């Protein structure tokens, strides 16, 4: 009986250690069968719940096929169309930019590391749209969905627009669209975000 008790005790300790490690792991992004899957640690999930229980990140299928393909080809393990794992405030702890919605608004937020955990910072808020009703054109083909993605590098920006004196964090990138006759419904563009003095700043908007 004593031996069994010792073995059981060791097993329980081992399981407890595994759970603690899982709870303390950072965020992660995987591409499974063409779908992007974001995993958040408990502290981040709790911050989202405190912010808005109804908040949900958009899913891979909410974006156009062109956007999904661009992000898949980039093969960045810290990037999904709707999420970026970054260190916005340069404290050595991972933060997450999330593109999503609640029942009324589309929301772009950051799960930002603080001394006592994570804080949700709202970067933009706009009227809620339905991705399946959004029409876009790429290589002459009609596509439906959100036609932009998040990038942790400077993908698209005019030479005169980028501000080298600020701390760049990420971009929202809009791919160029092209119709069946070669017309350009838009010429593509980007919005850059910076982090300065504890605050996100939006700038360098290249018009579509």
C-alpha atoms as a PDB file:
ATOM      1  CA  UNK A   1       0.000   0.000   0.000  1.00  0.00           C
ATOM      2  CA  UNK A   2       2.830   2.384   0.843  1.00  0.00           C
ATOM      3  CA  UNK A   3       4.394   1.944  -2.605  1.00  0.00           C
ATOM      4  CA  UNK A   4       1.091   2.659  -4.348  1.00  0.00           C
ATOM      5  CA  UNK A   5       0.644   5.808  -2.260  1.00  0.00           C
ATOM      6  CA  UNK A   6       4.114   7.025  -3.227  1.00  0.00           C
ATOM      7  CA  UNK A   7       3.444   6.330  -6.915  1.00  0.00           C
ATOM      8  CA  UNK A   8       0.071   8.103  -6.770  1.00  0.00           C
ATOM      9  CA  UNK A   9       1.669  11.092  -5.043  1.00  0.00           C
ATOM     10  CA  UNK A  10       4.347  11.329  -7.765  1.00  0.00           C
ATOM     11  CA  UNK A  11       1.707  11.162 -10.514  1.00  0.00           C
ATOM     12  CA  UNK A  12      -0.349  13.928  -8.895  1.00  0.00           C
ATOM     13  CA  UNK A  13       2.715  16.154  -8.517  1.00  0.00           C
ATOM     14  CA  UNK A  14       3.658  15.542 -12.166  1.00  0.00           C
ATOM     15  CA  UNK A  15       0.163  16.430 -13.411  1.00  0.00           C
ATOM     16  CA  UNK A  16       0.111  19.551 -11.275  1.00  0.00           C
ATOM     17  CA  UNK A  17       3.440  20.637 -12.758  1.00  0.00           C
ATOM     18  CA  UNK A  18       2.181  20.046 -16.318  1.00  0.00           C
ATOM     19  CA  UNK A  19      -0.954  22.118 -15.693  1.00  0.00           C
ATOM     20  CA  UNK A  20       1.067  24.953 -14.186  1.00  0.00           C
ATOM     21  CA  UNK A  21       3.334  25.013 -17.226  1.00  0.00           C
ATOM     22  CA  UNK A  22       0.345  25.028 -19.581  1.00  0.00           C
ATOM     23  CA  UNK A  23      -1.267  27.875 -17.679  1.00  0.00           C
ATOM     24  CA  UNK A  24       1.945  29.909 -17.786  1.00  0.00           C
ATOM     25  CA  UNK A  25       2.707  29.345 -21.466  1.00  0.00           C
ATOM     26  CA  UNK A  26       2.483  32.289 -23.813  1.00  0.00           C
ATOM     27  CA  UNK A  27       0.070  32.723 -26.722  1.00  0.00           C
ATOM     28  CA  UNK A  28       0.481  30.615 -29.850  1.00  0.00           C
ATOM     29  CA  UNK A  29      -0.788  30.453 -33.439  1.00  0.00           C
ATOM     30  CA  UNK A  30      -1.007  27.305 -35.556  1.00  0.00           C
ATOM     31  CA  UNK A  31      -2.261  26.649 -39.064  1.00  0.00           C
ATOM     32  CA  UNK A  32      -4.260  23.421 -39.051  1.00  0.00           C
ATOM     33  CA  UNK A  33      -5.738  22.235 -42.324  1.00  0.00           C
ATOM     34  CA  UNK A  34      -5.616  25.756 -43.708  1.00  0.00           C
ATOM     35  CA  UNK A  35      -7.350  27.242 -40.662  1.00  0.00           C
ATOM     36  CA  UNK A  36      -5.534  29.518 -38.230  1.00  0.00           C
ATOM     37  CA  UNK A  37      -5.941  28.630 -34.559  1.00  0.00           C
ATOM     38  CA  UNK A  38      -5.023  31.066 -31.780  1.00  0.00           C
ATOM     39  CA  UNK A  39      -4.330  29.786 -28.267  1.00  0.00           C
ATOM     40  CA  UNK A  40      -4.323  32.255 -25.389  1.00  0.00           C
ATOM     41  CA  UNK A  41      -3.039  31.661 -21.845  1.00  0.00           C
ATOM     42  CA  UNK A  42      -5.541  31.930 -19.004  1.00  0.00           C
ATOM     43  CA  UNK A  43      -4.458  35.460 -18.021  1.00  0.00           C
ATOM     44  CA  UNK A  44      -5.217  36.750 -21.503  1.00  0.00           C
ATOM     45  CA  UNK A  45      -8.542  34.937 -21.686  1.00  0.00           C
ATOM     46  CA  UNK A  46      -9.492  36.408 -18.308  1.00  0.00           C
ATOM     47  CA  UNK A  47      -8.632  39.918 -19.535  1.00  0.00           C
ATOM     48  CA  UNK A  48     -10.906  39.481 -22.571  1.00  0.00           C
ATOM     49  CA  UNK A  49     -13.701  38.168 -20.345  1.00  0.00           C
ATOM     50  CA  UNK A  50     -13.407  41.191 -18.039  1.00  0.00           C
ATOM     51  CA  UNK A  51     -13.392  43.516 -21.040  1.00  0.00           C
ATOM     52  CA  UNK A  52     -16.355  42.062 -22.933  1.00  0.00           C
ATOM     53  CA  UNK A  53     -17.726  38.564 -22.424  1.00  0.00           C
ATOM     54  CA  UNK A  54     -19.295  38.748 -25.896  1.00  0.00           C
ATOM     55  CA  UNK A  55     -16.045  39.563 -27.671  1.00  0.00           C
ATOM     56  CA  UNK A  56     -14.959  37.021 -30.276  1.00  0.00           C
ATOM     57  CA  UNK A  57     -12.004  37.101 -32.631  1.00  0.00           C
ATOM     58  CA  UNK A  58     -12.868  36.743 -36.297  1.00  0.00           C
ATOM     59  CA  UNK A  59     -12.155  33.322 -37.780  1.00  0.00           C
ATOM     60  CA  UNK A  60     -10.146  32.293 -40.839  1.00  0.00           C
ATOM     61  CA  UNK A  61     -13.310  31.815 -42.899  1.00  0.00           C
ATOM     62  CA  UNK A  62     -14.347  35.439 -42.276  1.00  0.00           C
ATOM     63  CA  UNK A  63     -11.473  36.634 -44.513  1.00  0.00           C
ATOM     64  CA  UNK A  64     -11.130  36.497 -48.287  1.00  0.00           C
ATOM     65  CA  UNK A  65      -9.292  33.576 -49.856  1.00  0.00           C
ATOM     66  CA  UNK A  66      -6.621  36.036 -51.038  1.00  0.00           C
ATOM     67  CA  UNK A  67      -5.928  37.249 -47.515  1.00  0.00           C
ATOM     68  CA  UNK A  68      -5.797  33.724 -46.114  1.00  0.00           C
ATOM     69  CA  UNK A  69      -3.345  32.703 -48.826  1.00  0.00           C
ATOM     70  CA  UNK A  70      -1.094  35.728 -48.237  1.00  0.00           C
ATOM     71  CA  UNK A  71      -0.807  34.937 -44.533  1.00  0.00           C
ATOM     72  CA  UNK A  72      -0.319  31.198 -45.101  1.00  0.00           C
ATOM     73  CA  UNK A  73       2.503  31.905 -47.567  1.00  0.00           C
ATOM     74  CA  UNK A  74       4.169  34.232 -45.065  1.00  0.00           C
ATOM     75  CA  UNK A  75       4.440  31.238 -42.700  1.00  0.00           C
ATOM     76  CA  UNK A  76       4.918  33.526 -39.714  1.00  0.00           C
ATOM     77  CA  UNK A  77       4.205  31.505 -36.521  1.00  0.00           C
ATOM     78  CA  UNK A  78       3.172  34.724 -34.750  1.00  0.00           C
ATOM     79  CA  UNK A  79       0.633  35.819 -37.374  1.00  0.00           C
ATOM     80  CA  UNK A  80      -2.955  35.022 -38.349  1.00  0.00           C
ATOM     81  CA  UNK A  81      -5.250  37.263 -40.413  1.00  0.00           C
ATOM     82  CA  UNK A  82      -7.007  38.211 -37.171  1.00  0.00           C
ATOM     83  CA  UNK A  83      -4.120  38.088 -34.670  1.00  0.00           C
ATOM     84  CA  UNK A  84      -0.516  39.058 -34.088  1.00  0.00           C
ATOM     85  CA  UNK A  85       1.777  38.038 -31.250  1.00  0.00           C
ATOM     86  CA  UNK A  86       4.093  40.975 -30.566  1.00  0.00           C
ATOM     87  CA  UNK A  87       5.815  42.854 -27.755  1.00  0.00           C
ATOM     88  CA  UNK A  88       4.192  46.260 -28.125  1.00  0.00           C
ATOM     89  CA  UNK A  89       5.532  47.881 -24.951  1.00  0.00           C
ATOM     90  CA  UNK A  90       8.984  46.239 -25.168  1.00  0.00           C
ATOM     91  CA  UNK A  91       8.853  44.661 -21.697  1.00  0.00           C
ATOM     92  CA  UNK A  92       9.920  41.221 -22.893  1.00  0.00           C
ATOM     93  CA  UNK A  93       6.397  39.759 -22.475  1.00  0.00           C
ATOM     94  CA  UNK A  94       4.189  38.751 -25.402  1.00  0.00           C
ATOM     95  CA  UNK A  95       1.167  40.909 -26.209  1.00  0.00           C
ATOM     96  CA  UNK A  96      -1.556  40.064 -28.740  1.00  0.00           C
ATOM     97  CA  UNK A  97      -3.335  42.241 -31.293  1.00  0.00           C
ATOM     98  CA  UNK A  98      -6.815  40.823 -31.928  1.00  0.00           C
ATOM     99  CA  UNK A  99      -9.308  41.700 -34.660  1.00  0.00           C
ATOM    100  CA  UNK A 100     -12.830  40.724 -33.689  1.00  0.00           C
ATOM    101  CA  UNK A 101     -16.279  41.835 -32.666  1.00  0.00           C
ATOM    102  CA  UNK A 102     -19.010  41.812 -30.067  1.00  0.00           C
ATOM    103  CA  UNK A 103     -22.747  41.880 -30.799  1.00  0.00           C
ATOM    104  CA  UNK A 104     -22.666  45.518 -31.984  1.00  0.00           C
ATOM    105  CA  UNK A 105     -19.198  46.559 -33.117  1.00  0.00           C
ATOM    106  CA  UNK A 106     -16.120  45.407 -34.945  1.00  0.00           C
ATOM    107  CA  UNK A 107     -13.221  45.860 -32.533  1.00  0.00           C
ATOM    108  CA  UNK A 108      -9.467  45.927 -32.895  1.00  0.00           C
ATOM    109  CA  UNK A 109      -7.881  45.398 -29.484  1.00  0.00           C
ATOM    110  CA  UNK A 110      -4.535  44.691 -27.864  1.00  0.00           C
ATOM    111  CA  UNK A 111      -4.011  42.376 -24.918  1.00  0.00           C
ATOM    112  CA  UNK A 112      -1.219  44.416 -23.358  1.00  0.00           C
ATOM    113  CA  UNK A 113       1.019  43.109 -20.572  1.00  0.00           C
ATOM    114  CA  UNK A 114       1.030  45.103 -17.339  1.00  0.00           C
ATOM    115  CA  UNK A 115       2.688  44.609 -13.952  1.00  0.00           C
ATOM    116  CA  UNK A 116      -0.418  42.834 -12.593  1.00  0.00           C
ATOM    117  CA  UNK A 117      -1.509  40.951 -15.686  1.00  0.00           C
ATOM    118  CA  UNK A 118      -3.074  41.951 -18.985  1.00  0.00           C
ATOM    119  CA  UNK A 119      -5.129  44.985 -19.950  1.00  0.00           C
ATOM    120  CA  UNK A 120      -7.381  45.273 -23.010  1.00  0.00           C
ATOM    121  CA  UNK A 121      -6.666  48.398 -25.049  1.00  0.00           C
ATOM    122  CA  UNK A 122      -9.193  49.310 -27.766  1.00  0.00           C
ATOM    123  CA  UNK A 123      -7.396  50.464 -30.918  1.00  0.00           C
ATOM    124  CA  UNK A 124     -10.444  50.963 -33.137  1.00  0.00           C
ATOM    125  CA  UNK A 125     -14.187  50.528 -32.998  1.00  0.00           C
ATOM    126  CA  UNK A 126     -16.586  50.613 -35.942  1.00  0.00           C
ATOM    127  CA  UNK A 127     -20.060  49.430 -36.898  1.00  0.00           C
ATOM    128  CA  UNK A 128     -20.376  45.671 -37.105  1.00  0.00           C
ATOM    129  CA  UNK A 129     -20.374  44.286 -40.628  1.00  0.00           C
ATOM    130  CA  UNK A 130     -21.135  40.796 -41.921  1.00  0.00           C
ATOM    131  CA  UNK A 131     -18.045  39.344 -43.647  1.00  0.00           C
ATOM    132  CA  UNK A 132     -20.020  37.053 -45.959  1.00  0.00           C
ATOM    133  CA  UNK A 133     -21.767  40.134 -47.414  1.00  0.00           C
ATOM    134  CA  UNK A 134     -18.529  42.045 -48.159  1.00  0.00           C
ATOM    135  CA  UNK A 135     -17.674  41.893 -51.884  1.00  0.00           C
ATOM    136  CA  UNK A 136     -14.072  42.140 -53.111  1.00  0.00           C
ATOM    137  CA  UNK A 137     -12.253  41.426 -56.391  1.00  0.00           C
ATOM    138  CA  UNK A 138      -8.887  39.738 -56.832  1.00  0.00           C
ATOM    139  CA  UNK A 139      -7.468  38.753 -60.227  1.00  0.00           C
ATOM    140  CA  UNK A 140     -10.897  39.320 -61.711  1.00  0.00           C
ATOM    141  CA  UNK A 141     -12.623  36.958 -59.305  1.00  0.00           C
ATOM    142  CA  UNK A 142     -15.283  37.942 -56.813  1.00  0.00           C
ATOM    143  CA  UNK A 143     -14.487  37.084 -53.208  1.00  0.00           C
ATOM    144  CA  UNK A 144     -16.412  37.618 -49.995  1.00  0.00           C
ATOM    145  CA  UNK A 145     -15.056  38.468 -46.574  1.00  0.00           C
ATOM    146  CA  UNK A 146     -12.797  40.816 -44.670  1.00  0.00           C
ATOM    147  CA  UNK A 147     -10.135  41.964 -47.109  1.00  0.00           C
ATOM    148  CA  UNK A 148      -7.236  42.981 -44.871  1.00  0.00           C
ATOM    149  CA  UNK A 149      -4.814  41.350 -42.458  1.00  0.00           C
ATOM    150  CA  UNK A 150      -2.466  42.187 -39.587  1.00  0.00           C
ATOM    151  CA  UNK A 151       1.298  42.281 -40.162  1.00  0.00           C
ATOM    152  CA  UNK A 152       4.177  42.762 -37.726  1.00  0.00           C
ATOM    153  CA  UNK A 153       6.436  44.251 -40.412  1.00  0.00           C
ATOM    154  CA  UNK A 154       6.106  47.159 -42.822  1.00  0.00           C
ATOM    155  CA  UNK A 155       4.374  45.556 -45.799  1.00  0.00           C
ATOM    156  CA  UNK A 156       2.902  48.600 -47.507  1.00  0.00           C
ATOM    157  CA  UNK A 157       3.718  52.225 -46.855  1.00  0.00           C
ATOM    158  CA  UNK A 158       4.582  55.280 -48.938  1.00  0.00           C
ATOM    159  CA  UNK A 159       8.194  56.401 -48.624  1.00  0.00           C
ATOM    160  CA  UNK A 160       7.192  59.797 -47.351  1.00  0.00           C
ATOM    161  CA  UNK A 161       4.537  58.536 -44.980  1.00  0.00           C
ATOM    162  CA  UNK A 162       6.433  56.334 -42.542  1.00  0.00           C
ATOM    163  CA  UNK A 163       7.548  58.009 -39.327  1.00  0.00           C
ATOM    164  CA  UNK A 164      11.029  56.767 -38.397  1.00  0.00           C
ATOM    165  CA  UNK A 165      10.957  58.683 -35.110  1.00  0.00           C
ATOM    166  CA  UNK A 166       8.198  56.522 -33.661  1.00  0.00           C
ATOM    167  CA  UNK A 167       8.242  52.943 -32.387  1.00  0.00           C
ATOM    168  CA  UNK A 168       6.498  50.854 -35.043  1.00  0.00           C
ATOM    169  CA  UNK A 169       4.320  47.972 -33.811  1.00  0.00           C
ATOM    170  CA  UNK A 170       2.170  46.626 -36.654  1.00  0.00           C
ATOM    171  CA  UNK A 171       0.164  47.381 -39.779  1.00  0.00           C
ATOM    172  CA  UNK A 172      -3.305  46.689 -41.065  1.00  0.00           C
ATOM    173  CA  UNK A 173      -2.667  45.773 -44.708  1.00  0.00           C
ATOM    174  CA  UNK A 174      -5.251  46.036 -47.511  1.00  0.00           C
ATOM    175  CA  UNK A 175      -4.249  44.026 -50.626  1.00  0.00           C
ATOM    176  CA  UNK A 176      -4.694  45.613 -54.034  1.00  0.00           C
ATOM    177  CA  UNK A 177      -7.939  44.596 -55.732  1.00  0.00           C
ATOM    178  CA  UNK A 178      -8.322  44.009 -59.477  1.00  0.00           C
ATOM    179  CA  UNK A 179     -11.455  43.455 -61.537  1.00  0.00           C
ATOM    180  CA  UNK A 180     -12.095  41.200 -64.533  1.00  0.00           C
ATOM    181  CA  UNK A 181     -11.169  43.967 -67.004  1.00  0.00           C
ATOM    182  CA  UNK A 182      -8.026  45.012 -65.178  1.00  0.00           C
ATOM    183  CA  UNK A 183      -9.672  47.867 -63.334  1.00  0.00           C
ATOM    184  CA  UNK A 184      -8.533  48.581 -59.768  1.00  0.00           C
ATOM    185  CA  UNK A 185     -11.421  48.923 -57.279  1.00  0.00           C
ATOM    186  CA  UNK A 186      -8.661  50.001 -54.887  1.00  0.00           C
ATOM    187  CA  UNK A 187      -4.904  50.214 -55.110  1.00  0.00           C
ATOM    188  CA  UNK A 188      -4.201  48.619 -51.747  1.00  0.00           C
ATOM    189  CA  UNK A 189      -2.911  50.405 -48.682  1.00  0.00           C
ATOM    190  CA  UNK A 190      -2.027  50.174 -45.020  1.00  0.00           C
ATOM    191  CA  UNK A 191      -2.479  51.765 -41.621  1.00  0.00           C
ATOM    192  CA  UNK A 192       0.537  51.758 -39.307  1.00  0.00           C
ATOM    193  CA  UNK A 193       0.319  51.626 -35.522  1.00  0.00           C
ATOM    194  CA  UNK A 194       2.988  52.894 -33.140  1.00  0.00           C
ATOM    195  CA  UNK A 195       3.398  52.648 -29.366  1.00  0.00           C
ATOM    196  CA  UNK A 196       4.597  55.842 -27.675  1.00  0.00           C
ATOM    197  CA  UNK A 197       4.645  56.830 -24.018  1.00  0.00           C
ATOM    198  CA  UNK A 198       2.341  53.965 -23.079  1.00  0.00           C
ATOM    199  CA  UNK A 199      -0.198  54.740 -25.828  1.00  0.00           C
ATOM    200  CA  UNK A 200      -0.960  53.338 -29.265  1.00  0.00           C
ATOM    201  CA  UNK A 201      -0.923  55.889 -32.075  1.00  0.00           C
ATOM    202  CA  UNK A 202      -2.427  55.383 -35.507  1.00  0.00           C
ATOM    203  CA  UNK A 203      -0.692  56.954 -38.479  1.00  0.00           C
ATOM    204  CA  UNK A 204       0.732  56.647 -41.983  1.00  0.00           C
ATOM    205  CA  UNK A 205      -2.601  55.842 -43.586  1.00  0.00           C
ATOM    206  CA  UNK A 206      -2.085  55.126 -47.290  1.00  0.00           C
ATOM    207  CA  UNK A 207      -5.473  55.709 -48.931  1.00  0.00           C
ATOM    208  CA  UNK A 208      -6.963  52.889 -50.985  1.00  0.00           C
END
